[in-house]
Amino acid sequence: MNFFDPACQTGPHTAATFGLCDDENGSVAYVDTGRPQRWIATVNNRSGHSVTFTAIDKCVIQDAEHPGRGRCDAMLTTPTHLYLVELKNQRAGWIDHALAQLESTLAFLVAAHDVSVYSRRKAYACNKRHPHFVEIEQERKLRVMRRYGFRLDIQASVVIVD
């Protein structure tokens, strides 16, 4: 499984702000720069890093592959950043499902690639309908950090930090 398959990538994206979208119609997630009303997550890239977007669900991992295993929607990378992103547009019952999809994808990713070359690793669960920060229980955060070396966060903005 190649999480860095060029056929699943777009970019580099260098805009200070851009959006991540999932039309939930069977197509892959994508980057959008012109229609903020469609964005499920906002990427804040104030330093203008060259960000590569990779569609995970329905591209790196096809629907028929690994039945019963979740996968997140996308991955954002720079030479030093690796962020996994799950996009949701639901009112209730989404957090546990989103976090499970991220953890499943993390297991696939670390089994297939050495991610230690990325100094900043994070997994985001983003929801357009719940844009405000939600606290994740500390035990789950610690487990993900110890097992995969990724920070886990729930918010509607993905921040490409310096």
Protein backbone atom coordinates (compact mmCIF):
# COMPACT_ATOMS: atom_id res chain seq x y z
CA MET A 1 0.00 0.00 0.00
CA ASN A 2 1.58 3.26 -1.13
CA PHE A 3 0.44 6.32 0.81
CA PHE A 4 2.63 8.45 -1.45
CA ASP A 5 1.16 7.32 -4.78
CA PRO A 6 1.41 10.30 -7.18
CA ALA A 7 -1.84 9.21 -8.86
CA CYS A 8 -3.67 10.07 -5.61
CA GLN A 9 -1.96 13.42 -5.04
CA THR A 10 -2.51 17.07 -5.89
CA GLY A 11 -0.33 20.06 -5.24
CA PRO A 12 1.83 21.42 -4.04
CA HIS A 13 -0.66 23.82 -2.47
CA THR A 14 0.94 26.99 -1.11
CA ALA A 15 -2.06 29.24 -0.41
CA ALA A 16 -2.25 30.72 3.08
CA THR A 17 -5.74 29.24 3.43
CA PHE A 18 -7.49 26.49 1.50
CA GLY A 19 -10.22 23.98 2.14
CA LEU A 20 -10.62 20.22 2.24
CA CYS A 21 -13.84 18.86 0.82
CA ASP A 22 -15.67 15.55 0.60
CA ASP A 23 -18.84 15.66 -1.46
CA GLU A 24 -19.90 12.26 0.00
CA ASN A 25 -20.98 11.07 -3.44
CA GLY A 26 -18.51 8.23 -3.89
CA SER A 27 -15.69 10.44 -5.16
CA VAL A 28 -12.40 11.19 -3.43
CA ALA A 29 -11.81 14.10 -1.06
CA TYR A 30 -10.13 17.12 -2.63
CA VAL A 31 -8.62 20.57 -2.11
CA ASP A 32 -10.67 23.67 -2.92
CA THR A 33 -9.52 27.30 -2.92
CA GLY A 34 -12.54 29.19 -4.21
CA ARG A 35 -15.70 27.98 -2.46
CA PRO A 36 -15.31 28.21 1.35
CA GLN A 37 -18.96 27.24 1.87
CA ARG A 38 -18.06 23.71 0.66
CA TRP A 39 -15.05 23.29 2.96
CA ILE A 40 -15.32 20.73 5.74
CA ALA A 41 -11.88 21.63 7.07
CA THR A 42 -9.87 24.80 6.64
CA VAL A 43 -6.12 24.45 6.21
CA ASN A 44 -4.17 27.38 7.64
CA ASN A 45 -0.81 27.54 5.91
CA ARG A 46 0.35 31.03 6.88
CA SER A 47 4.01 30.29 6.09
CA GLY A 48 3.20 29.14 2.57
CA HIS A 49 4.60 25.63 2.91
CA SER A 50 4.36 23.45 -0.20
CA VAL A 51 1.63 21.05 0.91
CA THR A 52 0.87 17.84 -0.98
CA PHE A 53 -2.68 16.54 -0.66
CA THR A 54 -3.20 12.76 -0.94
CA ALA A 55 -6.66 11.19 -1.22
CA ILE A 56 -6.60 8.10 1.01
CA ASP A 57 -10.19 6.80 0.91
CA LYS A 58 -11.13 5.61 -2.60
CA CYS A 59 -7.63 6.14 -3.99
CA VAL A 60 -4.73 4.89 -1.85
CA ILE A 61 -7.18 2.42 -0.30
CA GLN A 62 -10.04 1.42 -2.58
CA ASP A 63 -13.50 0.58 -1.23
CA ALA A 64 -13.13 -3.17 -1.92
CA GLU A 65 -9.76 -3.37 -0.17
CA HIS A 66 -9.67 -4.40 3.49
CA PRO A 67 -13.42 -4.74 4.10
CA GLY A 68 -14.45 -3.76 7.60
CA ARG A 69 -11.34 -1.61 8.13
CA GLY A 70 -11.86 2.12 8.24
CA ARG A 71 -9.71 4.64 6.46
CA CYS A 72 -9.51 8.40 6.70
CA ASP A 73 -10.18 10.76 3.82
CA ALA A 74 -6.86 12.47 3.25
CA MET A 75 -3.23 13.08 4.09
CA LEU A 76 -1.32 16.38 3.96
CA THR A 77 2.46 16.32 3.71
CA THR A 78 5.42 18.66 3.49
CA PRO A 79 9.04 17.62 3.93
CA THR A 80 8.56 17.86 7.72
CA HIS A 81 4.77 17.49 8.26
CA LEU A 82 2.50 14.46 7.92
CA TYR A 83 -1.14 15.03 8.84
CA LEU A 84 -3.98 12.55 8.41
CA VAL A 85 -7.45 14.08 8.13
CA GLU A 86 -10.90 12.59 8.52
CA LEU A 87 -13.72 14.82 7.23
CA LYS A 88 -17.22 14.66 8.70
CA ASN A 89 -20.39 16.63 8.08
CA GLN A 90 -22.66 15.23 10.80
CA ARG A 91 -24.46 16.56 13.83
CA ALA A 92 -24.21 13.61 16.22
CA GLY A 93 -22.35 10.36 16.77
CA TRP A 94 -19.36 11.22 14.63
CA ILE A 95 -16.39 11.50 17.00
CA ASP A 96 -15.84 7.83 17.84
CA HIS A 97 -16.30 6.80 14.20
CA ALA A 98 -13.85 9.47 12.97
CA LEU A 99 -11.23 8.54 15.56
CA ALA A 100 -11.58 4.84 14.72
CA GLN A 101 -11.05 5.62 11.03
CA LEU A 102 -7.93 7.63 11.86
CA GLU A 103 -6.51 4.88 14.07
CA SER A 104 -7.13 2.24 11.41
CA THR A 105 -5.41 4.42 8.81
CA LEU A 106 -2.48 5.01 11.16
CA ALA A 107 -2.04 1.25 11.48
CA PHE A 108 -1.96 0.89 7.68
CA LEU A 109 0.41 3.84 7.31
CA VAL A 110 3.03 2.82 9.89
CA ALA A 111 2.99 -0.77 8.58
CA ALA A 112 3.75 0.47 5.06
CA HIS A 113 6.10 3.43 5.62
CA ASP A 114 8.74 4.85 7.95
CA VAL A 115 7.09 8.04 9.16
CA SER A 116 9.90 8.97 11.54
CA VAL A 117 11.31 11.33 8.88
CA TYR A 118 8.38 13.68 9.61
CA SER A 119 9.03 15.75 12.73
CA ARG A 120 5.40 16.93 12.92
CA ARG A 121 2.80 14.16 12.84
CA LYS A 122 -0.85 14.69 13.67
CA ALA A 123 -4.23 13.08 13.00
CA TYR A 124 -7.22 15.42 12.71
CA ALA A 125 -10.93 14.65 12.95
CA CYS A 126 -12.68 17.64 11.34
CA ASN A 127 -16.40 18.37 11.26
CA LYS A 128 -18.03 21.26 9.43
CA ARG A 129 -21.07 21.16 11.70
CA HIS A 130 -18.98 21.18 14.90
CA PRO A 131 -16.14 23.59 14.15
CA HIS A 132 -15.24 24.28 17.77
CA PHE A 133 -12.60 22.37 19.65
CA VAL A 134 -13.68 19.13 21.32
CA GLU A 135 -11.53 17.50 23.99
CA ILE A 136 -10.41 13.91 23.37
CA GLU A 137 -9.97 11.76 26.44
CA GLN A 138 -6.36 11.76 27.56
CA GLU A 139 -6.09 7.96 27.55
CA ARG A 140 -6.92 7.74 23.84
CA LYS A 141 -4.46 10.53 23.00
CA LEU A 142 -1.69 8.77 24.89
CA ARG A 143 -2.44 5.42 23.27
CA VAL A 144 -2.26 6.89 19.75
CA MET A 145 0.94 8.78 20.58
CA ARG A 146 2.62 5.71 22.06
CA ARG A 147 1.46 3.29 19.38
CA TYR A 148 1.83 5.43 16.25
CA GLY A 149 3.78 8.57 17.24
CA PHE A 150 0.93 10.91 16.18
CA ARG A 151 -0.92 13.59 18.09
CA LEU A 152 -4.70 13.31 17.87
CA ASP A 153 -6.94 16.36 17.60
CA ILE A 154 -10.56 17.32 16.85
CA GLN A 155 -11.13 20.71 15.27
CA ALA A 156 -12.27 22.24 11.99
CA SER A 157 -8.89 23.82 11.18
CA VAL A 158 -5.71 22.04 10.19
CA VAL A 159 -2.75 24.24 11.04
CA ILE A 160 0.51 23.73 9.12
CA VAL A 161 2.87 24.91 11.85
CA ASP A 162 6.36 26.31 11.36
